[in-house]
Each structure stands twice: as C-alpha cells, then as structure tokens.
Amino acid sequence: MSVKKKPLVVVTRKLPDSIETRMRELFDARLNLDDTPLTPEQIGEAVRSADVLVPTVTDEITEEILKQPDCRLKLIANFGNGVDNIDVVAAHARGITVTNTPKVLTEDTADMTMALILAVPRRLIEGASILTEGKHWAGWSPTWMLGHRIGGKRLGIIGMGRIGQAVARRARAFGLQIHYHNRRPVAPHIADELGATYWESLDQMLARMDIISVNCPHTPATFHLLSARRLKLIRKDAYIVNTARGEVIDEETMTRLIETGEIAGAGLDVFEHEPAVSPKLVRLARAGKVTLLPHMGSATIEGRVEMGEKVIINIRTFFDDHKPPDRVLPSML
C-alpha cells in the first residue's frame, strides 16, 4: 500500500507553537522560526517550490509573483480574514485556490474597537502617561483631565458585518445610540436587536455622529472611503476609531484635520502605510489627541490558534480533493 506524499507547505511567519507542531505532523512544513518577514524574492522562491503557501497580511502575493512560468503553487491558505494582500483574481486565473480564516477574530477585534471608543474620549492613554513617564501629578482636581462621556452619544459604524455587529452590541451596553452605513441594510431582526439606524448615505451619517468606527474590509471600492471630502463632513467634536485597515482613511487629511482642531481625535490600530507610522500622528499621540496601537486588535492567543486551525483544515480539505470551507473567489470581493 503506497503512502500518500505530504504536500510541501511554506509558512511565511512564526505561528503559535501548537499550530506549527501540528503542521509538521501533517505536512512537509517549512516554517519561519525567527519570524523575519520574507522578501518578495523569497516569496517568489516559495511559489516556485511549494504546493501550499501560508502567508499573512504582511505578505504581498502579487500577480507578478504568481505569473512566473515555473509556479507550482496549488493553494494559498491565508493566515488572516482579509485577503487584500493577495491578488485573488490572478490566483484564480492560474487555477490557484485561495482560502482565508473568517469568523475567528470577530470578538477580539470588537473588544479592541470598544476599548478605543472608550480610550479616546476619556483620555485614558494620556492620563496613564502622567504616572508612567515621570510627569508631575499634584493630585485630584475637579477640572483636570476632563474628557467626554460616551453614554447617549451617537456611534456611526461603517461596515455592519460580523465585526460591526459585535461592536454595536458592546456599544449599546455602554449606552451609545447605534447608527450604521453598509452596502445594504442588515436583516430587520438584527436591526431591532441592536436598535440600529441605517443610513444609505455615508455623507449624511458622518455629519451627524459623535464617534465613527471603521469596520469595513479594504477593497478597491473602500480605498479612501473616508476621503478628504468626507473627512471634512465630520463634526469638530467627533472622534474616529479604526481597527479595520488603514487604507480606508485618507490618513494625511485626517491627521491635518486633527492638528487644526477640525476633528477632535482618533483611536487607530491600523495605518495607511503600515508598518510605517506618520511622525505627525506620533506627535498628536504625545499631545493626547490620538491613541495609537500597533495593529493588535486581533492579537489574542485564542484567536491566533483558531486561525491556525482553520488554515490546517483548509489545507487538509483541499488535498482530500474537496472544496475548502473558507475558499475565496473573485466574485466574493
């Protein structure tokens, strides 16, 4: 009885130990134990040698890489929910299947979104720095470090998918009024549960919200969805929170508007030119105008392990000659 050959799987970044151990058991796995991001040349070599590539959001899998004549790749099993780092159309044209890891990071990302919704108006990071950076604190004062309460304020959610709905549930518990813009309204029973008001016009919603939360994916249609024109519609006392993708916001314009007091502030976990962070944003953070986090919205041990388990299931299903459960098609983007 012949033994079926294990597929060669190249993993581009360090994954949780339990996931890497399981991959070694199941596949001919080439791991990245020191977590150094692969260069485009190294990714090109992986495409030429591997049956499966397991990239992450930091890896750009472009048409140029995939169209190499000696590309032997059969499956791109993305370790992540979004696939904006992969040219899905180019992969599909070459007969390469693409999968992702959906429905895993919803609660973790929504938790972090809610943390930023609280942190920015209440000046949590700014206040903490008084004690941790050796600044003078004279004690409690009735007029010092005043922020804004969030109860009763209007939260405008851009993108009412799984994460947007999870944010809405948390925000409603804090007394926020839920508004949202989406390609289409959510089901009536969901809107009733969340007490959510739908805005077909994003422009009209932006002009009326106290806090705006970006929870939509990055696609060609959502690049700079919050454009310079739209950012100027936002009220001067409003805040922006983004835990989705930095490219959804015209970051340069947003930064300028915060600098000039035309937007009150922002809480950002993602950046347009990540991993580079604008020095202007860093200065605003030091001045207490923005809260910046290093893309850690989904960073929980539980979430990363579940993502790895989904990657393994997608690979095993594919090589058992079945359709992977998390297959991504160009028509879905």
Foldseek 3Di string as FASTA:
>chain_A
DDDDAFFEEEEFADFDPVLVVVCVVRHNYDYDNVGDGDDLVVVLVCQLPGQEYEYEPVAAADLVSNPPPNGNYAEYEYLADDDPSHPQVSCVVVNHWYFFQPPQQQLLLLVVLVVQVVCQQQLPVVVVCCVVVVHDDPDDDPPPSDGDQQAPFEEEEEACDSNVLSNLVVSVVSRYQAEYEDCDDDDPVSCVVSVYHYDPDPLVVQLRGQEYEYDDADDPVQQQVVPLVSVLSHALNHEYEYLHEQRNHPVVSNLVCCVVSRHQAYEYQYHHPPPDDDPSVVVCVNVSRYHYHPNCSRPDSSSSVSSSVLSVQQVVCVVVVHHRPGIDHPVVD
